[in-house]
Amino acid sequence: MERLAVPPSRAPKRALPASACDCHTHVFGSAEDYPVAATSGYPLPDADAGKHRQMLAETGLSRAVLVQPAPYGDNCRAMTDAITEAPDMLRGIGTAFAGASRAQLLDLREAGVVGLRFVHLQLPEGRTRFAGAAGLDDLWALAPAMAEVGLHAQLWCDAATFAAHRQELGRLGFPIVLEHMARFDMEEGVKGAAFQTVLAALAADEIWVKLALCRASQQFPDYPDARPFHDALLGANPAMLLWASDWPHVRLVETRPDVGHLLDLFAQWANEDDALIRQILVDNPGALYGFEPARLS
C-alpha cells in the first residue's frame, strides 16, 4: 500500500539551543521490512528513519524521542533499528504487553528504549485503546520488571483517567510521563478538577507532561484555545515539562502542523525566555531520557 507523503518542515524563526530535543515523534519503516502487527486506523505515513533525521535537520533539532506507533504492536524493531543508526541523538518509548519477560524488557533497554507506552482513552464501542496498543492492565503487570530494568511509563490518557489513578501510579517507583498536555477537557477549562489534579501532581514532581499542541486543540494552526492550559503547565513546574511535535502527525492530513511553526509557538508562549526554552528543550529531556550532557550554545 502506498504511504502517505509527509511534507518537509521549515526551520523556526529563532535558532534553537544546541541539543534541543523533540520528545514525541514516530517512524514507520517499509512494509517489506517492518510489517504492521495490527490493523491501522490511519494511512501509514512515508516517515522512515531517514526522513525522520531529515526533519530534525530541517528544523535544527539535535535529538528526538521515538514513540512506538500502535500498528506495530510490541514489535519495536523499526524504532530500535532507527536508534541503532543514531544512538547519540535518539531514544525510544516502546510497547510491551503483560507476560513480557524481564529479559525482553532488558533487551529493549539495551537497544535505547527508556520507557513503555500505555493507552487508556474513551474510544468508540467502549474500547480504551487502539489495536496494537498496551493498556493500564499491562502497566500494572509489568511495573515490577520495569522498575528493575529502569524503564519509565508514558501514558496516553485523559486527565480524568490520570486523576483516578494518581495514587496507584505514584507507588510504581519510576517516572510517569503524560502525553499531549495530559488530554485536558477543553470545556471544563483550566479550573476543571481533573486538570487541577494534573497541575498539582506536576507541581509536586510526580509527573512529566509533554507539550504537544496539535493533539490538544482543534484550532489549527495557532491553537489559541490551548494557551491557558499551556500557561498553567508552565506556571506549575517547568522543570518537569517536555516539548513535543508529534511528527509525522498521523490522522492530521488537512490540519498537519509544521514543526517549525510549532517551535515558533512554543518560543512565543514561553515569552522568548532563553533560559526557560533551554530548560524545556534541552535540560529536561537530557535528564529524563539519559542523553549525554548538552553542548553549550
C-alpha atoms as a PDB file:
ATOM      1  CA  MET A   1       0.000   0.000   0.000  1.00  0.00           C
ATOM      2  CA  GLU A   2       1.310   3.441  -0.914  1.00  0.00           C
ATOM      3  CA  ARG A   3       2.455   5.527   2.030  1.00  0.00           C
ATOM      4  CA  LEU A   4       1.048   8.999   2.729  1.00  0.00           C
ATOM      5  CA  ALA A   5       3.533  11.720   1.810  1.00  0.00           C
ATOM      6  CA  VAL A   6       4.802  13.950   4.622  1.00  0.00           C
ATOM      7  CA  PRO A   7       5.765  17.492   3.580  1.00  0.00           C
ATOM      8  CA  PRO A   8       9.122  18.958   4.598  1.00  0.00           C
ATOM      9  CA  SER A   9       9.414  21.103   7.704  1.00  0.00           C
ATOM     10  CA  ARG A  10      10.807  24.617   7.902  1.00  0.00           C
ATOM     11  CA  ALA A  11      13.271  25.973  10.408  1.00  0.00           C
ATOM     12  CA  PRO A  12      11.817  28.015  13.289  1.00  0.00           C
ATOM     13  CA  LYS A  13      12.323  31.771  13.239  1.00  0.00           C
ATOM     14  CA  ARG A  14      14.708  31.702  16.181  1.00  0.00           C
ATOM     15  CA  ALA A  15      17.682  29.389  16.324  1.00  0.00           C
ATOM     16  CA  LEU A  16      17.293  26.507  18.741  1.00  0.00           C
ATOM     17  CA  PRO A  17      19.747  25.890  21.569  1.00  0.00           C
ATOM     18  CA  ALA A  18      22.285  23.157  20.968  1.00  0.00           C
ATOM     19  CA  SER A  19      20.981  19.668  21.800  1.00  0.00           C
ATOM     20  CA  ALA A  20      17.303  20.687  21.543  1.00  0.00           C
ATOM     21  CA  CYS A  21      15.048  17.622  21.682  1.00  0.00           C
ATOM     22  CA  ASP A  22      11.669  16.735  20.188  1.00  0.00           C
ATOM     23  CA  CYS A  23      10.241  14.377  22.791  1.00  0.00           C
ATOM     24  CA  HIS A  24       7.461  12.744  20.774  1.00  0.00           C
ATOM     25  CA  THR A  25       7.985  11.542  17.204  1.00  0.00           C
ATOM     26  CA  HIS A  26       7.341   8.345  15.256  1.00  0.00           C
ATOM     27  CA  VAL A  27       8.989   6.349  12.483  1.00  0.00           C
ATOM     28  CA  PHE A  28       7.320   3.971  10.049  1.00  0.00           C
ATOM     29  CA  GLY A  29       9.596   1.556   8.242  1.00  0.00           C
ATOM     30  CA  SER A  30       8.952  -0.012   4.860  1.00  0.00           C
ATOM     31  CA  ALA A  31       6.130  -2.527   4.686  1.00  0.00           C
ATOM     32  CA  GLU A  32       8.517  -5.213   3.460  1.00  0.00           C
ATOM     33  CA  ASP A  33      10.990  -4.835   6.314  1.00  0.00           C
ATOM     34  CA  TYR A  34       8.608  -3.775   9.079  1.00  0.00           C
ATOM     35  CA  PRO A  35       5.123  -5.264   8.627  1.00  0.00           C
ATOM     36  CA  VAL A  36       2.401  -3.996  10.941  1.00  0.00           C
ATOM     37  CA  ALA A  37       1.080  -6.285  13.648  1.00  0.00           C
ATOM     38  CA  ALA A  38      -2.404  -4.759  13.905  1.00  0.00           C
ATOM     39  CA  THR A  39      -4.849  -3.102  11.541  1.00  0.00           C
ATOM     40  CA  SER A  40      -4.004   0.577  11.387  1.00  0.00           C
ATOM     41  CA  GLY A  41      -6.742   3.135  11.952  1.00  0.00           C
ATOM     42  CA  TYR A  42      -4.947   5.621   9.699  1.00  0.00           C
ATOM     43  CA  PRO A  43      -2.937   5.615   6.456  1.00  0.00           C
ATOM     44  CA  LEU A  44       0.695   4.938   7.307  1.00  0.00           C
ATOM     45  CA  PRO A  45       2.917   7.912   6.514  1.00  0.00           C
ATOM     46  CA  ASP A  46       6.091   7.896   4.421  1.00  0.00           C
ATOM     47  CA  ALA A  47       8.185   8.602   7.507  1.00  0.00           C
ATOM     48  CA  ASP A  48      11.102   6.219   7.825  1.00  0.00           C
ATOM     49  CA  ALA A  49      14.264   6.761   9.859  1.00  0.00           C
ATOM     50  CA  GLY A  50      15.939   8.748   7.091  1.00  0.00           C
ATOM     51  CA  LYS A  51      13.028  11.144   6.708  1.00  0.00           C
ATOM     52  CA  HIS A  52      12.883  11.491  10.478  1.00  0.00           C
ATOM     53  CA  ARG A  53      16.524  12.599  10.579  1.00  0.00           C
ATOM     54  CA  GLN A  54      15.772  14.939   7.670  1.00  0.00           C
ATOM     55  CA  MET A  55      13.014  16.602   9.710  1.00  0.00           C
ATOM     56  CA  LEU A  56      15.420  17.117  12.603  1.00  0.00           C
ATOM     57  CA  ALA A  57      17.992  18.678  10.275  1.00  0.00           C
ATOM     58  CA  GLU A  58      15.387  20.937   8.646  1.00  0.00           C
ATOM     59  CA  THR A  59      14.229  22.324  11.975  1.00  0.00           C
ATOM     60  CA  GLY A  60      17.556  22.498  13.810  1.00  0.00           C
ATOM     61  CA  LEU A  61      16.604  19.867  16.379  1.00  0.00           C
ATOM     62  CA  SER A  62      19.503  17.745  17.589  1.00  0.00           C
ATOM     63  CA  ARG A  63      17.718  14.953  19.455  1.00  0.00           C
ATOM     64  CA  ALA A  64      14.417  13.118  19.436  1.00  0.00           C
ATOM     65  CA  VAL A  65      12.386  10.518  21.278  1.00  0.00           C
ATOM     66  CA  LEU A  66      10.719   7.896  19.101  1.00  0.00           C
ATOM     67  CA  VAL A  67       7.370   6.580  20.350  1.00  0.00           C
ATOM     68  CA  GLN A  68       6.066   3.183  19.234  1.00  0.00           C
ATOM     69  CA  PRO A  69       3.027   3.540  16.923  1.00  0.00           C
ATOM     70  CA  ALA A  70       0.142   1.224  17.795  1.00  0.00           C
ATOM     71  CA  PRO A  71       0.033  -0.606  14.417  1.00  0.00           C
ATOM     72  CA  TYR A  72       3.389  -2.249  15.197  1.00  0.00           C
ATOM     73  CA  GLY A  73       2.137  -3.758  18.454  1.00  0.00           C
ATOM     74  CA  ASP A  74       5.067  -4.879  20.591  1.00  0.00           C
ATOM     75  CA  ASN A  75       7.422  -5.337  17.637  1.00  0.00           C
ATOM     76  CA  CYS A  76       9.678  -2.339  18.242  1.00  0.00           C
ATOM     77  CA  ARG A  77      12.236  -3.160  15.563  1.00  0.00           C
ATOM     78  CA  ALA A  78      11.504  -0.187  13.271  1.00  0.00           C
ATOM     79  CA  MET A  79      12.186   2.102  16.216  1.00  0.00           C
ATOM     80  CA  THR A  80      15.199   0.272  17.624  1.00  0.00           C
ATOM     81  CA  ASP A  81      16.790  -0.014  14.176  1.00  0.00           C
ATOM     82  CA  ALA A  82      16.428   3.753  13.812  1.00  0.00           C
ATOM     83  CA  ILE A  83      18.063   4.257  17.209  1.00  0.00           C
ATOM     84  CA  THR A  84      20.931   1.976  16.193  1.00  0.00           C
ATOM     85  CA  GLU A  85      21.626   4.288  13.255  1.00  0.00           C
ATOM     86  CA  ALA A  86      21.850   7.360  15.511  1.00  0.00           C
ATOM     87  CA  PRO A  87      22.290   6.204  19.126  1.00  0.00           C
ATOM     88  CA  ASP A  88      23.590   9.529  20.452  1.00  0.00           C
ATOM     89  CA  MET A  89      20.600  11.513  19.207  1.00  0.00           C
ATOM     90  CA  LEU A  90      17.665   9.116  19.656  1.00  0.00           C
ATOM     91  CA  ARG A  91      15.849   7.365  22.479  1.00  0.00           C
ATOM     92  CA  GLY A  92      12.743   5.181  22.330  1.00  0.00           C
ATOM     93  CA  ILE A  93       9.423   4.616  24.078  1.00  0.00           C
ATOM     94  CA  GLY A  94       8.335   1.071  23.264  1.00  0.00           C
ATOM     95  CA  THR A  95       5.371  -1.221  23.764  1.00  0.00           C
ATOM     96  CA  ALA A  96       5.198  -4.458  25.762  1.00  0.00           C
ATOM     97  CA  PHE A  97       2.278  -6.493  26.997  1.00  0.00           C
ATOM     98  CA  ALA A  98       1.615  -8.357  30.229  1.00  0.00           C
ATOM     99  CA  GLY A  99       3.650 -11.530  30.151  1.00  0.00           C
ATOM    100  CA  ALA A 100       6.743  -9.954  28.616  1.00  0.00           C
ATOM    101  CA  SER A 101       9.781 -11.256  30.443  1.00  0.00           C
ATOM    102  CA  ARG A 102      12.384  -9.257  32.300  1.00  0.00           C
ATOM    103  CA  ALA A 103      14.863 -10.388  29.639  1.00  0.00           C
ATOM    104  CA  GLN A 104      12.654  -8.952  26.876  1.00  0.00           C
ATOM    105  CA  LEU A 105      12.424  -5.626  28.688  1.00  0.00           C
ATOM    106  CA  LEU A 106      16.163  -5.638  29.249  1.00  0.00           C
ATOM    107  CA  ASP A 107      16.717  -6.201  25.513  1.00  0.00           C
ATOM    108  CA  LEU A 108      14.585  -3.122  24.807  1.00  0.00           C
ATOM    109  CA  ARG A 109      16.512  -1.100  27.385  1.00  0.00           C
ATOM    110  CA  GLU A 110      19.829  -2.074  25.847  1.00  0.00           C
ATOM    111  CA  ALA A 111      18.510  -1.073  22.409  1.00  0.00           C
ATOM    112  CA  GLY A 112      17.902   2.518  23.542  1.00  0.00           C
ATOM    113  CA  VAL A 113      14.313   2.189  24.768  1.00  0.00           C
ATOM    114  CA  VAL A 114      13.904   4.078  28.046  1.00  0.00           C
ATOM    115  CA  GLY A 115      10.166   3.738  28.653  1.00  0.00           C
ATOM    116  CA  LEU A 116       6.970   1.941  27.648  1.00  0.00           C
ATOM    117  CA  ARG A 117       3.760   3.462  26.323  1.00  0.00           C
ATOM    118  CA  PHE A 118       0.314   2.650  27.724  1.00  0.00           C
ATOM    119  CA  VAL A 119      -3.027   3.856  26.343  1.00  0.00           C
ATOM    120  CA  HIS A 120      -6.360   4.406  28.079  1.00  0.00           C
ATOM    121  CA  LEU A 121      -8.825   6.554  26.148  1.00  0.00           C
ATOM    122  CA  GLN A 122     -12.587   6.688  25.703  1.00  0.00           C
ATOM    123  CA  LEU A 123     -12.927   5.275  22.187  1.00  0.00           C
ATOM    124  CA  PRO A 124     -15.933   4.103  20.131  1.00  0.00           C
ATOM    125  CA  GLU A 125     -17.619   0.815  21.054  1.00  0.00           C
ATOM    126  CA  GLY A 126     -16.380   1.055  24.630  1.00  0.00           C
ATOM    127  CA  ARG A 127     -12.749   0.446  23.713  1.00  0.00           C
ATOM    128  CA  THR A 128      -9.993   2.037  25.771  1.00  0.00           C
ATOM    129  CA  ARG A 129      -7.033   1.506  23.434  1.00  0.00           C
ATOM    130  CA  PHE A 130      -6.206   1.240  19.757  1.00  0.00           C
ATOM    131  CA  ALA A 131      -5.407  -2.121  18.192  1.00  0.00           C
ATOM    132  CA  GLY A 132      -1.800  -2.945  18.972  1.00  0.00           C
ATOM    133  CA  ALA A 133      -1.517  -0.660  21.994  1.00  0.00           C
ATOM    134  CA  ALA A 134      -0.837  -1.736  25.563  1.00  0.00           C
ATOM    135  CA  GLY A 135      -3.231  -0.640  28.306  1.00  0.00           C
ATOM    136  CA  LEU A 136      -3.220   0.064  32.016  1.00  0.00           C
ATOM    137  CA  ASP A 137      -3.658  -3.607  32.833  1.00  0.00           C
ATOM    138  CA  ASP A 138      -0.361  -4.246  31.047  1.00  0.00           C
ATOM    139  CA  LEU A 139       1.278  -1.471  33.053  1.00  0.00           C
ATOM    140  CA  TRP A 140       0.204  -2.926  36.396  1.00  0.00           C
ATOM    141  CA  ALA A 141       1.502  -6.355  35.359  1.00  0.00           C
ATOM    142  CA  LEU A 142       4.833  -5.102  34.018  1.00  0.00           C
ATOM    143  CA  ALA A 143       5.594  -2.474  36.654  1.00  0.00           C
ATOM    144  CA  PRO A 144       7.882  -4.583  38.895  1.00  0.00           C
ATOM    145  CA  ALA A 145      10.059  -5.668  35.973  1.00  0.00           C
ATOM    146  CA  MET A 146      10.064  -2.150  34.537  1.00  0.00           C
ATOM    147  CA  ALA A 147      11.376  -0.793  37.821  1.00  0.00           C
ATOM    148  CA  GLU A 148      14.135  -3.419  37.896  1.00  0.00           C
ATOM    149  CA  VAL A 149      15.215  -2.775  34.322  1.00  0.00           C
ATOM    150  CA  GLY A 150      14.982   1.018  34.522  1.00  0.00           C
ATOM    151  CA  LEU A 151      12.032   1.778  32.235  1.00  0.00           C
ATOM    152  CA  HIS A 152       9.512   4.521  32.908  1.00  0.00           C
ATOM    153  CA  ALA A 153       5.844   4.710  31.873  1.00  0.00           C
ATOM    154  CA  GLN A 154       4.365   7.034  29.286  1.00  0.00           C
ATOM    155  CA  LEU A 155       0.572   7.373  29.365  1.00  0.00           C
ATOM    156  CA  TRP A 156      -1.755   8.445  26.593  1.00  0.00           C
ATOM    157  CA  CYS A 157      -4.831   9.010  28.696  1.00  0.00           C
ATOM    158  CA  ASP A 158      -7.328  11.696  29.627  1.00  0.00           C
ATOM    159  CA  ALA A 159      -6.627  13.936  32.594  1.00  0.00           C
ATOM    160  CA  ALA A 160      -9.592  12.332  34.354  1.00  0.00           C
ATOM    161  CA  THR A 161      -8.035   8.872  33.980  1.00  0.00           C
ATOM    162  CA  PHE A 162      -4.788  10.120  35.469  1.00  0.00           C
ATOM    163  CA  ALA A 163      -6.662  11.746  38.348  1.00  0.00           C
ATOM    164  CA  ALA A 164      -8.464   8.467  39.089  1.00  0.00           C
ATOM    165  CA  HIS A 165      -5.187   6.525  39.199  1.00  0.00           C
ATOM    166  CA  ARG A 166      -2.848   9.174  40.608  1.00  0.00           C
ATOM    167  CA  GLN A 167      -2.088   7.388  43.881  1.00  0.00           C
ATOM    168  CA  GLU A 168      -1.611   3.991  42.233  1.00  0.00           C
ATOM    169  CA  LEU A 169       0.728   5.476  39.626  1.00  0.00           C
ATOM    170  CA  GLY A 170       2.676   7.273  42.321  1.00  0.00           C
ATOM    171  CA  ARG A 171       3.513   3.987  44.001  1.00  0.00           C
ATOM    172  CA  LEU A 172       5.154   2.408  40.935  1.00  0.00           C
ATOM    173  CA  GLY A 173       8.603   3.751  41.710  1.00  0.00           C
ATOM    174  CA  PHE A 174       9.553   5.171  38.306  1.00  0.00           C
ATOM    175  CA  PRO A 175       8.779   8.328  36.293  1.00  0.00           C
ATOM    176  CA  ILE A 176       5.323   8.838  34.814  1.00  0.00           C
ATOM    177  CA  VAL A 177       5.013  10.901  31.629  1.00  0.00           C
ATOM    178  CA  LEU A 178       1.667  12.190  30.328  1.00  0.00           C
ATOM    179  CA  GLU A 179       1.382  12.706  26.587  1.00  0.00           C
ATOM    180  CA  HIS A 180      -0.301  15.538  24.724  1.00  0.00           C
ATOM    181  CA  MET A 181      -0.649  18.049  27.568  1.00  0.00           C
ATOM    182  CA  ALA A 182      -2.473  15.410  29.661  1.00  0.00           C
ATOM    183  CA  ARG A 183      -5.517  15.469  27.349  1.00  0.00           C
ATOM    184  CA  PHE A 184      -7.404  18.053  29.380  1.00  0.00           C
ATOM    185  CA  ASP A 185     -11.113  18.726  28.872  1.00  0.00           C
ATOM    186  CA  MET A 186     -11.384  21.978  26.924  1.00  0.00           C
ATOM    187  CA  GLU A 187     -14.977  22.561  28.051  1.00  0.00           C
ATOM    188  CA  GLU A 188     -14.106  22.215  31.729  1.00  0.00           C
ATOM    189  CA  GLY A 189     -11.341  24.788  31.343  1.00  0.00           C
ATOM    190  CA  VAL A 190      -8.211  25.282  33.397  1.00  0.00           C
ATOM    191  CA  LYS A 191     -10.210  25.162  36.628  1.00  0.00           C
ATOM    192  CA  GLY A 192     -11.566  21.696  35.842  1.00  0.00           C
ATOM    193  CA  ALA A 193     -10.977  19.203  38.633  1.00  0.00           C
ATOM    194  CA  ALA A 194      -9.023  16.693  36.546  1.00  0.00           C
ATOM    195  CA  PHE A 195      -6.678  19.290  35.077  1.00  0.00           C
ATOM    196  CA  GLN A 196      -6.155  20.795  38.510  1.00  0.00           C
ATOM    197  CA  THR A 197      -5.102  17.330  39.703  1.00  0.00           C
ATOM    198  CA  VAL A 198      -2.591  17.195  36.850  1.00  0.00           C
ATOM    199  CA  LEU A 199      -1.236  20.601  37.852  1.00  0.00           C
ATOM    200  CA  ALA A 200      -0.936  19.541  41.483  1.00  0.00           C
ATOM    201  CA  ALA A 201       0.919  16.351  40.532  1.00  0.00           C
ATOM    202  CA  LEU A 202       3.181  18.319  38.204  1.00  0.00           C
ATOM    203  CA  ALA A 203       3.962  20.884  40.900  1.00  0.00           C
ATOM    204  CA  ALA A 204       4.824  18.040  43.285  1.00  0.00           C
ATOM    205  CA  ASP A 205       7.305  16.491  40.789  1.00  0.00           C
ATOM    206  CA  GLU A 206       5.098  13.394  40.473  1.00  0.00           C
ATOM    207  CA  ILE A 207       4.763  13.519  36.688  1.00  0.00           C
ATOM    208  CA  TRP A 208       6.263  14.850  33.488  1.00  0.00           C
ATOM    209  CA  VAL A 209       3.990  16.379  30.839  1.00  0.00           C
ATOM    210  CA  LYS A 210       4.605  16.699  27.111  1.00  0.00           C
ATOM    211  CA  LEU A 211       3.636  19.981  25.470  1.00  0.00           C
ATOM    212  CA  ALA A 212       2.113  18.834  22.161  1.00  0.00           C
ATOM    213  CA  LEU A 213      -0.294  21.430  20.856  1.00  0.00           C
ATOM    214  CA  CYS A 214      -1.602  19.661  17.771  1.00  0.00           C
ATOM    215  CA  ARG A 215      -3.297  16.968  19.878  1.00  0.00           C
ATOM    216  CA  ALA A 216      -4.668  19.383  22.467  1.00  0.00           C
ATOM    217  CA  SER A 217      -6.653  21.733  20.232  1.00  0.00           C
ATOM    218  CA  GLN A 218      -8.677  21.721  17.019  1.00  0.00           C
ATOM    219  CA  GLN A 219      -7.973  25.404  16.333  1.00  0.00           C
ATOM    220  CA  PHE A 220      -5.298  24.867  13.685  1.00  0.00           C
ATOM    221  CA  PRO A 221      -2.747  26.331  13.099  1.00  0.00           C
ATOM    222  CA  ASP A 222      -2.205  28.545  16.174  1.00  0.00           C
ATOM    223  CA  TYR A 223      -4.301  26.649  18.780  1.00  0.00           C
ATOM    224  CA  PRO A 224      -5.291  29.755  20.798  1.00  0.00           C
ATOM    225  CA  ASP A 225      -7.776  27.861  22.988  1.00  0.00           C
ATOM    226  CA  ALA A 226      -4.907  25.731  24.353  1.00  0.00           C
ATOM    227  CA  ARG A 227      -2.896  28.751  25.503  1.00  0.00           C
ATOM    228  CA  PRO A 228      -4.423  28.998  29.027  1.00  0.00           C
ATOM    229  CA  PHE A 229      -3.650  25.320  29.670  1.00  0.00           C
ATOM    230  CA  HIS A 230      -0.124  25.716  28.318  1.00  0.00           C
ATOM    231  CA  ASP A 231       0.397  28.765  30.548  1.00  0.00           C
ATOM    232  CA  ALA A 232      -0.887  26.852  33.570  1.00  0.00           C
ATOM    233  CA  LEU A 233       1.523  23.962  32.927  1.00  0.00           C
ATOM    234  CA  LEU A 234       4.443  26.368  32.554  1.00  0.00           C
ATOM    235  CA  GLY A 235       3.440  28.080  35.774  1.00  0.00           C
ATOM    236  CA  ALA A 236       3.096  24.837  37.707  1.00  0.00           C
ATOM    237  CA  ASN A 237       6.563  23.383  37.146  1.00  0.00           C
ATOM    238  CA  PRO A 238       8.676  23.998  34.019  1.00  0.00           C
ATOM    239  CA  ALA A 239      11.335  21.590  35.347  1.00  0.00           C
ATOM    240  CA  MET A 240       9.008  18.664  34.536  1.00  0.00           C
ATOM    241  CA  LEU A 241       7.862  19.714  31.055  1.00  0.00           C
ATOM    242  CA  LEU A 242       8.942  18.336  27.689  1.00  0.00           C
ATOM    243  CA  TRP A 243       8.338  19.750  24.207  1.00  0.00           C
ATOM    244  CA  ALA A 244       6.857  17.514  21.501  1.00  0.00           C
ATOM    245  CA  SER A 245       5.853  17.917  17.853  1.00  0.00           C
ATOM    246  CA  ASP A 246       4.169  14.510  17.335  1.00  0.00           C
ATOM    247  CA  TRP A 247       5.718  14.312  13.843  1.00  0.00           C
ATOM    248  CA  PRO A 248       4.660  12.959  11.318  1.00  0.00           C
ATOM    249  CA  HIS A 249       1.196  13.876  12.629  1.00  0.00           C
ATOM    250  CA  VAL A 250      -0.889  10.844  11.736  1.00  0.00           C
ATOM    251  CA  ARG A 251      -4.622  11.464  11.291  1.00  0.00           C
ATOM    252  CA  LEU A 252      -3.941  15.178  10.663  1.00  0.00           C
ATOM    253  CA  VAL A 253      -3.848  15.301   6.871  1.00  0.00           C
ATOM    254  CA  GLU A 254      -5.745  18.577   6.377  1.00  0.00           C
ATOM    255  CA  THR A 255      -4.538  20.142   9.626  1.00  0.00           C
ATOM    256  CA  ARG A 256      -0.989  18.808   9.681  1.00  0.00           C
ATOM    257  CA  PRO A 257       1.174  21.359  11.536  1.00  0.00           C
ATOM    258  CA  ASP A 258       4.642  22.448  10.510  1.00  0.00           C
ATOM    259  CA  VAL A 259       7.278  21.582  13.105  1.00  0.00           C
ATOM    260  CA  GLY A 260       8.986  24.947  12.670  1.00  0.00           C
ATOM    261  CA  HIS A 261       5.696  26.727  13.354  1.00  0.00           C
ATOM    262  CA  LEU A 262       5.116  24.622  16.456  1.00  0.00           C
ATOM    263  CA  LEU A 263       8.558  25.637  17.706  1.00  0.00           C
ATOM    264  CA  ASP A 264       7.744  29.279  16.988  1.00  0.00           C
ATOM    265  CA  LEU A 265       4.552  28.996  19.041  1.00  0.00           C
ATOM    266  CA  PHE A 266       6.457  27.389  21.890  1.00  0.00           C
ATOM    267  CA  ALA A 267       9.013  30.209  21.946  1.00  0.00           C
ATOM    268  CA  GLN A 268       6.247  32.832  21.901  1.00  0.00           C
ATOM    269  CA  TRP A 269       4.268  31.141  24.667  1.00  0.00           C
ATOM    270  CA  ALA A 270       7.472  30.816  26.699  1.00  0.00           C
ATOM    271  CA  ASN A 271       7.782  34.606  26.374  1.00  0.00           C
ATOM    272  CA  GLU A 272      11.024  34.229  24.370  1.00  0.00           C
ATOM    273  CA  ASP A 273      12.736  33.390  27.670  1.00  0.00           C
ATOM    274  CA  ASP A 274      16.074  31.833  26.672  1.00  0.00           C
ATOM    275  CA  ALA A 275      16.602  30.056  29.986  1.00  0.00           C
ATOM    276  CA  LEU A 276      13.086  28.592  30.019  1.00  0.00           C
ATOM    277  CA  ILE A 277      13.304  27.494  26.390  1.00  0.00           C
ATOM    278  CA  ARG A 278      16.631  25.802  27.015  1.00  0.00           C
ATOM    279  CA  GLN A 279      15.315  24.105  30.143  1.00  0.00           C
ATOM    280  CA  ILE A 280      12.384  22.512  28.321  1.00  0.00           C
ATOM    281  CA  LEU A 281      14.088  21.754  25.014  1.00  0.00           C
ATOM    282  CA  VAL A 282      17.463  20.617  26.365  1.00  0.00           C
ATOM    283  CA  ASP A 283      17.872  20.141  30.104  1.00  0.00           C
ATOM    284  CA  ASN A 284      14.632  18.334  30.922  1.00  0.00           C
ATOM    285  CA  PRO A 285      14.845  15.706  28.161  1.00  0.00           C
ATOM    286  CA  GLY A 286      18.518  15.257  28.910  1.00  0.00           C
ATOM    287  CA  ALA A 287      17.667  14.357  32.493  1.00  0.00           C
ATOM    288  CA  LEU A 288      14.695  12.081  31.773  1.00  0.00           C
ATOM    289  CA  TYR A 289      15.935  10.264  28.689  1.00  0.00           C
ATOM    290  CA  GLY A 290      19.582   9.895  29.619  1.00  0.00           C
ATOM    291  CA  PHE A 291      21.200  11.903  26.853  1.00  0.00           C
ATOM    292  CA  GLU A 292      24.788  12.977  27.275  1.00  0.00           C
ATOM    293  CA  PRO A 293      25.178  16.468  28.827  1.00  0.00           C
ATOM    294  CA  ALA A 294      24.205  19.123  26.314  1.00  0.00           C
ATOM    295  CA  ARG A 295      26.794  21.092  24.445  1.00  0.00           C
ATOM    296  CA  LEU A 296      26.857  24.785  25.221  1.00  0.00           C
ATOM    297  CA  SER A 297      25.448  27.028  22.502  1.00  0.00           C
END
